[in-house]
Amino acid sequence: MKFHGIPNPTEWTMIEEVIEGRLFHIQSKNKDYTCSKLIAETYEILGIFQPSLPLNGYMPSDFSTGGKVSLHNAALSEEQLISLQLEDMGVN
């Protein structure tokens, strides 16, 4: 798997990378992946997404039903709320 073992950025690095990509259209030079960058690249590889920003310029909300991402020959369904109880996960 291409992304196995690649670290997640720290919270501040993530904010910095999104600002660079979203506001200044600068592709991050860091060797890390945010969840949004991974989704954007996956959709691009699948051929259903043509990014208008560097991949580090996307945020999770962009991929929601109210988001700004336009998919080609694909659509996302409504989000499903998942409620987890700590007891259900064996945590007391």
N, C-alpha and C. Protein backbone atom coordinates (compact mmCIF):
# COMPACT_ATOMS: atom_id res chain seq x y z
N MET A 1 0.84 -1.17 0.00
CA MET A 1 0.00 0.00 0.00
C MET A 1 0.89 1.24 0.00
N LYS A 2 0.64 2.15 -0.87
CA LYS A 2 1.46 3.33 -1.09
C LYS A 2 1.57 4.24 0.14
N PHE A 3 0.54 4.33 0.95
CA PHE A 3 0.52 5.29 2.05
C PHE A 3 0.79 4.67 3.41
N HIS A 4 1.02 3.39 3.48
CA HIS A 4 1.25 2.74 4.75
C HIS A 4 2.49 3.32 5.44
N GLY A 5 2.32 3.71 6.69
CA GLY A 5 3.45 4.22 7.46
C GLY A 5 3.73 5.70 7.32
N ILE A 6 3.00 6.40 6.45
CA ILE A 6 3.21 7.85 6.31
C ILE A 6 2.55 8.53 7.50
N PRO A 7 3.28 9.42 8.17
CA PRO A 7 2.74 10.01 9.39
C PRO A 7 1.64 11.03 9.14
N ASN A 8 0.79 11.19 10.14
CA ASN A 8 -0.17 12.29 10.15
C ASN A 8 0.56 13.54 10.63
N PRO A 9 0.21 14.69 10.10
CA PRO A 9 0.86 15.92 10.57
C PRO A 9 0.34 16.32 11.95
N THR A 10 1.10 17.15 12.64
CA THR A 10 0.60 17.70 13.89
C THR A 10 -0.54 18.64 13.57
N GLU A 11 -1.30 19.03 14.58
CA GLU A 11 -2.44 19.92 14.35
C GLU A 11 -2.00 21.24 13.70
N TRP A 12 -0.91 21.83 14.19
CA TRP A 12 -0.44 23.10 13.63
C TRP A 12 0.09 22.94 12.22
N THR A 13 0.78 21.83 11.95
CA THR A 13 1.27 21.57 10.60
C THR A 13 0.11 21.40 9.64
N MET A 14 -0.94 20.71 10.09
CA MET A 14 -2.12 20.51 9.26
C MET A 14 -2.77 21.86 8.91
N ILE A 15 -2.91 22.72 9.89
CA ILE A 15 -3.49 24.04 9.65
C ILE A 15 -2.63 24.82 8.66
N GLU A 16 -1.33 24.78 8.86
CA GLU A 16 -0.39 25.48 7.97
C GLU A 16 -0.50 24.96 6.54
N GLU A 17 -0.56 23.64 6.38
CA GLU A 17 -0.64 23.05 5.04
C GLU A 17 -1.94 23.43 4.33
N VAL A 18 -3.06 23.42 5.05
CA VAL A 18 -4.33 23.78 4.44
C VAL A 18 -4.32 25.25 4.03
N ILE A 19 -3.78 26.11 4.86
CA ILE A 19 -3.68 27.54 4.51
C ILE A 19 -2.82 27.72 3.27
N GLU A 20 -1.67 27.03 3.23
CA GLU A 20 -0.80 27.12 2.04
C GLU A 20 -1.54 26.70 0.78
N GLY A 21 -2.25 25.58 0.86
CA GLY A 21 -2.94 25.06 -0.33
C GLY A 21 -4.18 25.83 -0.69
N ARG A 22 -4.97 26.18 0.31
CA ARG A 22 -6.27 26.81 0.06
C ARG A 22 -6.14 28.28 -0.32
N LEU A 23 -5.30 29.02 0.40
CA LEU A 23 -5.20 30.46 0.16
C LEU A 23 -4.11 30.84 -0.84
N PHE A 24 -3.00 30.12 -0.80
CA PHE A 24 -1.86 30.51 -1.64
C PHE A 24 -1.58 29.54 -2.79
N HIS A 25 -2.35 28.47 -2.88
CA HIS A 25 -2.20 27.45 -3.94
C HIS A 25 -0.78 26.90 -3.98
N ILE A 26 -0.21 26.66 -2.80
CA ILE A 26 1.13 26.08 -2.68
C ILE A 26 0.99 24.63 -2.25
N GLN A 27 1.58 23.73 -3.03
CA GLN A 27 1.54 22.32 -2.66
C GLN A 27 2.52 22.08 -1.52
N SER A 28 2.07 21.36 -0.52
CA SER A 28 2.90 21.06 0.65
C SER A 28 4.10 20.21 0.24
N LYS A 29 5.24 20.52 0.83
CA LYS A 29 6.45 19.73 0.58
C LYS A 29 6.65 18.69 1.67
N ASN A 30 5.77 18.69 2.68
CA ASN A 30 5.89 17.72 3.78
C ASN A 30 5.52 16.33 3.31
N LYS A 31 6.13 15.35 3.90
CA LYS A 31 5.88 13.94 3.58
C LYS A 31 4.87 13.35 4.56
N ASP A 32 3.71 13.98 4.65
CA ASP A 32 2.66 13.51 5.54
C ASP A 32 1.33 13.54 4.80
N TYR A 33 0.30 12.99 5.45
CA TYR A 33 -1.03 12.96 4.83
C TYR A 33 -2.10 13.30 5.85
N THR A 34 -2.96 14.23 5.49
CA THR A 34 -4.16 14.48 6.27
C THR A 34 -5.24 13.58 5.67
N CYS A 35 -6.33 13.40 6.40
CA CYS A 35 -7.41 12.56 5.87
C CYS A 35 -7.98 13.16 4.58
N SER A 36 -8.09 14.48 4.53
CA SER A 36 -8.67 15.13 3.35
C SER A 36 -7.75 15.01 2.14
N LYS A 37 -6.46 15.12 2.37
CA LYS A 37 -5.50 14.97 1.27
C LYS A 37 -5.55 13.54 0.72
N LEU A 38 -5.68 12.57 1.61
CA LEU A 38 -5.78 11.18 1.19
C LEU A 38 -7.04 10.93 0.37
N ILE A 39 -8.17 11.49 0.82
CA ILE A 39 -9.43 11.34 0.09
C ILE A 39 -9.34 12.03 -1.27
N ALA A 40 -8.80 13.24 -1.30
CA ALA A 40 -8.67 13.98 -2.56
C ALA A 40 -7.81 13.21 -3.56
N GLU A 41 -6.69 12.69 -3.10
CA GLU A 41 -5.81 11.94 -4.01
C GLU A 41 -6.47 10.63 -4.46
N THR A 42 -7.17 9.97 -3.56
CA THR A 42 -7.86 8.73 -3.92
C THR A 42 -8.92 9.00 -4.99
N TYR A 43 -9.73 10.03 -4.78
CA TYR A 43 -10.75 10.39 -5.78
C TYR A 43 -10.12 10.77 -7.11
N GLU A 44 -8.99 11.47 -7.04
CA GLU A 44 -8.29 11.85 -8.28
C GLU A 44 -7.79 10.62 -9.02
N ILE A 45 -7.20 9.68 -8.31
CA ILE A 45 -6.70 8.44 -8.92
C ILE A 45 -7.85 7.64 -9.52
N LEU A 46 -9.01 7.65 -8.85
CA LEU A 46 -10.19 6.94 -9.37
C LEU A 46 -10.78 7.62 -10.59
N GLY A 47 -10.35 8.87 -10.86
CA GLY A 47 -10.85 9.59 -12.03
C GLY A 47 -12.19 10.27 -11.81
N ILE A 48 -12.61 10.41 -10.54
CA ILE A 48 -13.91 11.04 -10.27
C ILE A 48 -13.76 12.46 -9.73
N PHE A 49 -12.53 12.95 -9.64
CA PHE A 49 -12.29 14.26 -9.06
C PHE A 49 -11.12 14.94 -9.76
N GLN A 50 -11.36 16.17 -10.19
CA GLN A 50 -10.31 16.99 -10.78
C GLN A 50 -10.06 18.15 -9.82
N PRO A 51 -9.00 18.08 -9.01
CA PRO A 51 -8.79 19.12 -8.00
C PRO A 51 -8.49 20.49 -8.62
N SER A 52 -9.04 21.52 -8.00
CA SER A 52 -8.76 22.88 -8.42
C SER A 52 -7.77 23.55 -7.47
N LEU A 53 -7.42 22.85 -6.41
CA LEU A 53 -6.45 23.30 -5.42
C LEU A 53 -5.38 22.24 -5.28
N PRO A 54 -4.22 22.58 -4.71
CA PRO A 54 -3.29 21.52 -4.33
C PRO A 54 -4.02 20.59 -3.35
N LEU A 55 -3.65 19.34 -3.31
CA LEU A 55 -4.38 18.37 -2.49
C LEU A 55 -4.38 18.74 -1.01
N ASN A 56 -3.37 19.47 -0.54
CA ASN A 56 -3.34 19.88 0.87
C ASN A 56 -4.27 21.07 1.14
N GLY A 57 -4.96 21.56 0.13
CA GLY A 57 -5.87 22.69 0.31
C GLY A 57 -7.29 22.29 0.65
N TYR A 58 -7.55 21.00 0.81
CA TYR A 58 -8.90 20.53 1.09
C TYR A 58 -9.09 20.21 2.56
N MET A 59 -10.33 20.38 3.02
CA MET A 59 -10.71 20.08 4.40
C MET A 59 -11.84 19.06 4.39
N PRO A 60 -12.08 18.35 5.50
CA PRO A 60 -13.14 17.34 5.52
C PRO A 60 -14.49 17.86 5.06
N SER A 61 -14.83 19.07 5.44
CA SER A 61 -16.15 19.62 5.06
C SER A 61 -16.31 19.75 3.54
N ASP A 62 -15.21 19.85 2.81
CA ASP A 62 -15.28 19.93 1.35
C ASP A 62 -15.87 18.66 0.74
N PHE A 63 -15.73 17.54 1.44
CA PHE A 63 -16.20 16.25 0.93
C PHE A 63 -17.54 15.84 1.53
N SER A 64 -18.21 16.76 2.23
CA SER A 64 -19.53 16.47 2.78
C SER A 64 -20.58 16.80 1.73
N THR A 65 -21.83 16.47 2.02
CA THR A 65 -22.89 16.74 1.05
C THR A 65 -23.06 18.24 0.83
N GLY A 66 -22.69 19.06 1.79
CA GLY A 66 -22.76 20.51 1.64
C GLY A 66 -21.44 21.10 1.16
N GLY A 67 -20.49 20.25 0.83
CA GLY A 67 -19.15 20.71 0.45
C GLY A 67 -19.07 21.24 -0.97
N LYS A 68 -17.89 21.72 -1.30
CA LYS A 68 -17.66 22.37 -2.59
C LYS A 68 -17.06 21.45 -3.65
N VAL A 69 -16.76 20.23 -3.29
CA VAL A 69 -16.12 19.30 -4.22
C VAL A 69 -17.14 18.75 -5.19
N SER A 70 -16.81 18.82 -6.46
CA SER A 70 -17.67 18.29 -7.51
C SER A 70 -17.05 17.00 -8.05
N LEU A 71 -17.82 15.94 -8.01
CA LEU A 71 -17.33 14.64 -8.49
C LEU A 71 -17.87 14.38 -9.89
N HIS A 72 -17.08 13.69 -10.70
CA HIS A 72 -17.45 13.35 -12.08
C HIS A 72 -17.95 11.90 -12.12
N ASN A 73 -19.16 11.71 -12.61
CA ASN A 73 -19.78 10.38 -12.72
C ASN A 73 -19.83 9.67 -11.37
N ALA A 74 -19.99 10.42 -10.31
CA ALA A 74 -20.09 9.84 -8.97
C ALA A 74 -20.84 10.82 -8.08
N ALA A 75 -21.39 10.31 -7.01
CA ALA A 75 -22.09 11.17 -6.04
C ALA A 75 -21.95 10.57 -4.65
N LEU A 76 -21.90 11.45 -3.68
CA LEU A 76 -21.86 11.00 -2.29
C LEU A 76 -23.28 11.01 -1.74
N SER A 77 -23.60 10.02 -0.94
CA SER A 77 -24.92 10.02 -0.30
C SER A 77 -24.87 10.87 0.96
N GLU A 78 -26.03 11.09 1.56
CA GLU A 78 -26.10 11.87 2.79
C GLU A 78 -25.25 11.21 3.87
N GLU A 79 -24.68 12.03 4.73
CA GLU A 79 -23.92 11.50 5.84
C GLU A 79 -24.82 10.73 6.78
N GLN A 80 -24.27 9.73 7.42
CA GLN A 80 -25.01 8.93 8.39
C GLN A 80 -24.39 9.15 9.76
N LEU A 81 -25.19 9.57 10.71
CA LEU A 81 -24.72 9.77 12.07
C LEU A 81 -24.53 8.42 12.74
N ILE A 82 -23.35 8.23 13.29
CA ILE A 82 -23.05 7.00 14.01
C ILE A 82 -22.85 7.36 15.47
N SER A 83 -23.63 6.77 16.33
CA SER A 83 -23.54 7.04 17.76
C SER A 83 -22.89 5.84 18.43
N LEU A 84 -21.78 6.08 19.08
CA LEU A 84 -21.08 5.00 19.79
C LEU A 84 -21.14 5.25 21.29
N GLN A 85 -21.44 4.25 22.01
CA GLN A 85 -21.42 4.30 23.46
C GLN A 85 -20.11 3.66 23.91
N LEU A 86 -19.45 4.25 24.87
CA LEU A 86 -18.19 3.70 25.35
C LEU A 86 -18.35 2.26 25.82
N GLU A 87 -19.52 1.95 26.40
CA GLU A 87 -19.77 0.58 26.85
C GLU A 87 -19.76 -0.40 25.68
N ASP A 88 -20.23 0.06 24.49
CA ASP A 88 -20.26 -0.78 23.31
C ASP A 88 -18.86 -1.15 22.84
N MET A 89 -17.87 -0.33 23.20
CA MET A 89 -16.49 -0.57 22.78
C MET A 89 -15.68 -1.23 23.89
N GLY A 90 -16.35 -1.67 24.95
CA GLY A 90 -15.66 -2.35 26.05
C GLY A 90 -14.94 -1.41 27.00
N VAL A 91 -15.29 -0.12 26.96
CA VAL A 91 -14.66 0.87 27.84
C VAL A 91 -15.64 1.16 28.96
N ASN A 92 -15.18 1.12 30.19
CA ASN A 92 -16.06 1.42 31.33
C ASN A 92 -15.80 2.80 31.85
